[in-house]
N, C-alpha and C. Protein backbone atom coordinates (compact mmCIF):
# COMPACT_ATOMS: atom_id res chain seq x y z
N MET A 1 64.38 3.00 -10.31
CA MET A 1 63.61 1.81 -10.59
C MET A 1 63.07 1.95 -12.03
N THR A 2 63.36 0.96 -12.82
CA THR A 2 62.94 0.99 -14.21
C THR A 2 61.48 0.57 -14.35
N GLY A 3 60.95 0.74 -15.54
CA GLY A 3 59.57 0.37 -15.80
C GLY A 3 59.33 -1.12 -15.65
N LEU A 4 60.33 -1.91 -16.02
CA LEU A 4 60.21 -3.36 -15.89
C LEU A 4 60.13 -3.77 -14.41
N GLU A 5 60.90 -3.11 -13.58
CA GLU A 5 60.86 -3.42 -12.15
C GLU A 5 59.53 -3.00 -11.52
N VAL A 6 58.97 -1.90 -11.98
CA VAL A 6 57.67 -1.46 -11.48
C VAL A 6 56.59 -2.46 -11.90
N LEU A 7 56.65 -2.92 -13.15
CA LEU A 7 55.70 -3.93 -13.63
C LEU A 7 55.86 -5.23 -12.85
N TRP A 8 57.10 -5.61 -12.57
CA TRP A 8 57.40 -6.82 -11.82
C TRP A 8 56.80 -6.74 -10.41
N LEU A 9 56.97 -5.60 -9.77
CA LEU A 9 56.42 -5.40 -8.43
C LEU A 9 54.89 -5.41 -8.45
N PHE A 10 54.31 -4.78 -9.46
CA PHE A 10 52.85 -4.77 -9.61
C PHE A 10 52.32 -6.20 -9.79
N LEU A 11 52.99 -6.99 -10.62
CA LEU A 11 52.58 -8.38 -10.82
C LEU A 11 52.65 -9.17 -9.52
N ALA A 12 53.68 -8.93 -8.73
CA ALA A 12 53.81 -9.63 -7.46
C ALA A 12 52.65 -9.30 -6.53
N VAL A 13 52.27 -8.04 -6.46
CA VAL A 13 51.17 -7.64 -5.58
C VAL A 13 49.85 -8.22 -6.08
N VAL A 14 49.63 -8.21 -7.39
CA VAL A 14 48.38 -8.75 -7.94
C VAL A 14 48.30 -10.26 -7.72
N ILE A 15 49.40 -10.96 -7.90
CA ILE A 15 49.41 -12.42 -7.67
C ILE A 15 49.11 -12.73 -6.21
N ILE A 16 49.73 -12.02 -5.31
CA ILE A 16 49.48 -12.23 -3.88
C ILE A 16 48.02 -11.95 -3.54
N PHE A 17 47.48 -10.86 -4.07
CA PHE A 17 46.09 -10.51 -3.80
C PHE A 17 45.13 -11.58 -4.32
N ILE A 18 45.35 -12.06 -5.53
CA ILE A 18 44.47 -13.08 -6.11
C ILE A 18 44.53 -14.38 -5.31
N ILE A 19 45.74 -14.78 -4.93
CA ILE A 19 45.88 -16.04 -4.18
C ILE A 19 45.23 -15.94 -2.81
N LEU A 20 45.40 -14.82 -2.15
CA LEU A 20 44.81 -14.67 -0.83
C LEU A 20 43.31 -14.44 -0.86
N SER A 21 42.78 -13.95 -1.96
CA SER A 21 41.35 -13.68 -2.03
C SER A 21 40.53 -14.89 -2.47
N THR A 22 41.16 -15.92 -3.03
CA THR A 22 40.40 -17.10 -3.42
C THR A 22 40.24 -18.02 -2.23
N ASP A 23 39.10 -18.66 -2.17
CA ASP A 23 38.76 -19.54 -1.06
C ASP A 23 38.98 -20.99 -1.49
N PRO A 24 40.00 -21.67 -0.94
CA PRO A 24 40.25 -23.05 -1.35
C PRO A 24 39.15 -24.02 -0.93
N LYS A 25 38.37 -23.67 0.07
CA LYS A 25 37.29 -24.56 0.51
C LYS A 25 36.19 -24.64 -0.54
N SER A 26 35.96 -23.56 -1.27
CA SER A 26 34.89 -23.56 -2.25
C SER A 26 35.31 -24.28 -3.53
N ALA A 27 36.58 -24.64 -3.65
CA ALA A 27 37.05 -25.33 -4.84
C ALA A 27 37.00 -26.84 -4.68
N SER A 28 36.24 -27.31 -3.73
CA SER A 28 36.15 -28.73 -3.46
C SER A 28 35.47 -29.45 -4.61
N GLY A 29 36.06 -30.55 -5.02
CA GLY A 29 35.49 -31.33 -6.10
C GLY A 29 34.76 -32.56 -5.61
N ASP A 30 34.55 -32.68 -4.31
CA ASP A 30 33.87 -33.85 -3.77
C ASP A 30 32.40 -33.82 -4.17
N ILE A 31 31.91 -34.96 -4.56
CA ILE A 31 30.51 -35.08 -4.95
C ILE A 31 29.78 -35.80 -3.83
N GLY A 32 28.74 -35.17 -3.36
CA GLY A 32 27.97 -35.77 -2.29
C GLY A 32 26.49 -35.76 -2.63
N ASP A 33 25.68 -36.19 -1.68
CA ASP A 33 24.24 -36.23 -1.89
C ASP A 33 23.57 -34.94 -1.45
N ASN A 34 24.35 -33.95 -1.07
CA ASN A 34 23.82 -32.70 -0.55
C ASN A 34 23.46 -31.76 -1.69
N ASN A 35 22.45 -30.92 -1.48
CA ASN A 35 22.07 -29.93 -2.49
C ASN A 35 23.12 -28.85 -2.65
N SER A 36 23.94 -28.63 -1.65
CA SER A 36 24.98 -27.61 -1.74
C SER A 36 26.11 -28.03 -2.67
N THR A 37 26.13 -29.28 -3.10
CA THR A 37 27.16 -29.75 -4.02
C THR A 37 27.10 -28.98 -5.34
N VAL A 38 25.92 -28.66 -5.79
CA VAL A 38 25.75 -27.90 -7.03
C VAL A 38 26.41 -26.54 -6.90
N LEU A 39 26.26 -25.92 -5.75
CA LEU A 39 26.88 -24.62 -5.51
C LEU A 39 28.40 -24.72 -5.56
N PHE A 40 28.96 -25.75 -4.94
CA PHE A 40 30.41 -25.91 -4.94
C PHE A 40 30.95 -26.23 -6.33
N LEU A 41 30.21 -27.02 -7.08
CA LEU A 41 30.67 -27.35 -8.43
C LEU A 41 30.64 -26.13 -9.34
N SER A 42 29.63 -25.26 -9.17
CA SER A 42 29.58 -24.07 -10.00
C SER A 42 30.70 -23.11 -9.64
N VAL A 43 31.09 -23.06 -8.38
CA VAL A 43 32.21 -22.21 -7.98
C VAL A 43 33.50 -22.74 -8.59
N THR A 44 33.65 -24.05 -8.64
CA THR A 44 34.84 -24.64 -9.22
C THR A 44 34.95 -24.26 -10.70
N GLU A 45 33.85 -24.29 -11.40
CA GLU A 45 33.86 -23.92 -12.82
C GLU A 45 34.19 -22.45 -12.99
N SER A 46 33.69 -21.61 -12.12
CA SER A 46 33.95 -20.18 -12.26
C SER A 46 35.37 -19.82 -11.86
N GLN A 47 36.01 -20.66 -11.05
CA GLN A 47 37.37 -20.37 -10.63
C GLN A 47 38.41 -20.82 -11.65
N LYS A 48 38.00 -21.50 -12.70
CA LYS A 48 38.95 -21.91 -13.73
C LYS A 48 39.60 -20.70 -14.38
N PHE A 49 38.82 -19.65 -14.60
CA PHE A 49 39.38 -18.43 -15.18
C PHE A 49 40.44 -17.84 -14.27
N PHE A 50 40.15 -17.76 -12.98
CA PHE A 50 41.10 -17.17 -12.04
C PHE A 50 42.37 -18.00 -11.93
N ARG A 51 42.24 -19.31 -12.02
CA ARG A 51 43.42 -20.17 -11.97
C ARG A 51 44.30 -19.95 -13.19
N SER A 52 43.70 -19.94 -14.37
CA SER A 52 44.50 -19.74 -15.58
C SER A 52 45.07 -18.32 -15.61
N PHE A 53 44.30 -17.34 -15.15
CA PHE A 53 44.79 -15.96 -15.08
C PHE A 53 45.96 -15.85 -14.11
N THR A 54 45.85 -16.51 -12.96
CA THR A 54 46.92 -16.48 -11.97
C THR A 54 48.18 -17.13 -12.52
N TRP A 55 48.04 -18.27 -13.19
CA TRP A 55 49.21 -18.94 -13.76
C TRP A 55 49.84 -18.11 -14.87
N SER A 56 49.02 -17.37 -15.61
CA SER A 56 49.57 -16.48 -16.64
C SER A 56 50.38 -15.36 -15.98
N LEU A 57 49.86 -14.82 -14.89
CA LEU A 57 50.60 -13.78 -14.18
C LEU A 57 51.89 -14.33 -13.57
N VAL A 58 51.85 -15.55 -13.07
CA VAL A 58 53.06 -16.17 -12.52
C VAL A 58 54.11 -16.35 -13.62
N LEU A 59 53.66 -16.76 -14.80
CA LEU A 59 54.58 -16.90 -15.92
C LEU A 59 55.20 -15.56 -16.32
N LEU A 60 54.38 -14.51 -16.38
CA LEU A 60 54.91 -13.18 -16.67
C LEU A 60 55.88 -12.71 -15.58
N PHE A 61 55.56 -13.03 -14.33
CA PHE A 61 56.44 -12.68 -13.22
C PHE A 61 57.79 -13.38 -13.37
N TYR A 62 57.75 -14.64 -13.73
CA TYR A 62 58.98 -15.41 -13.91
C TYR A 62 59.81 -14.84 -15.06
N ILE A 63 59.17 -14.53 -16.17
CA ILE A 63 59.88 -13.95 -17.31
C ILE A 63 60.46 -12.59 -16.93
N GLY A 64 59.69 -11.80 -16.20
CA GLY A 64 60.19 -10.51 -15.72
C GLY A 64 61.39 -10.66 -14.81
N THR A 65 61.36 -11.67 -13.95
CA THR A 65 62.49 -11.94 -13.06
C THR A 65 63.74 -12.27 -13.87
N LEU A 66 63.57 -13.08 -14.91
CA LEU A 66 64.71 -13.43 -15.75
C LEU A 66 65.24 -12.20 -16.47
N LEU A 67 64.35 -11.34 -16.97
CA LEU A 67 64.79 -10.14 -17.67
C LEU A 67 65.49 -9.15 -16.74
N ILE A 68 64.97 -9.00 -15.54
CA ILE A 68 65.60 -8.09 -14.58
C ILE A 68 66.98 -8.60 -14.19
N ASN A 69 67.13 -9.89 -13.98
CA ASN A 69 68.42 -10.46 -13.60
C ASN A 69 69.40 -10.44 -14.78
N GLY A 70 68.88 -10.40 -15.99
CA GLY A 70 69.74 -10.38 -17.17
C GLY A 70 70.40 -9.03 -17.41
N TYR A 71 69.84 -7.97 -16.86
CA TYR A 71 70.40 -6.63 -17.09
C TYR A 71 71.42 -6.27 -16.05
């Protein structure tokens, strides 16, 4: 197993872990009259980093897949 394949496998595990550890219920963008709405909106803002980080990892995973298949 080459270094690229090890990195590819590591990226796959990290992507799976991040996706399974995020709570889609807390990412609700519904605005209501409840005081808990502020809590949900702040969670949505804080999850923007994780979303962009996850998509970056997915892009690296895709590029790694192309490189592994090219060899």
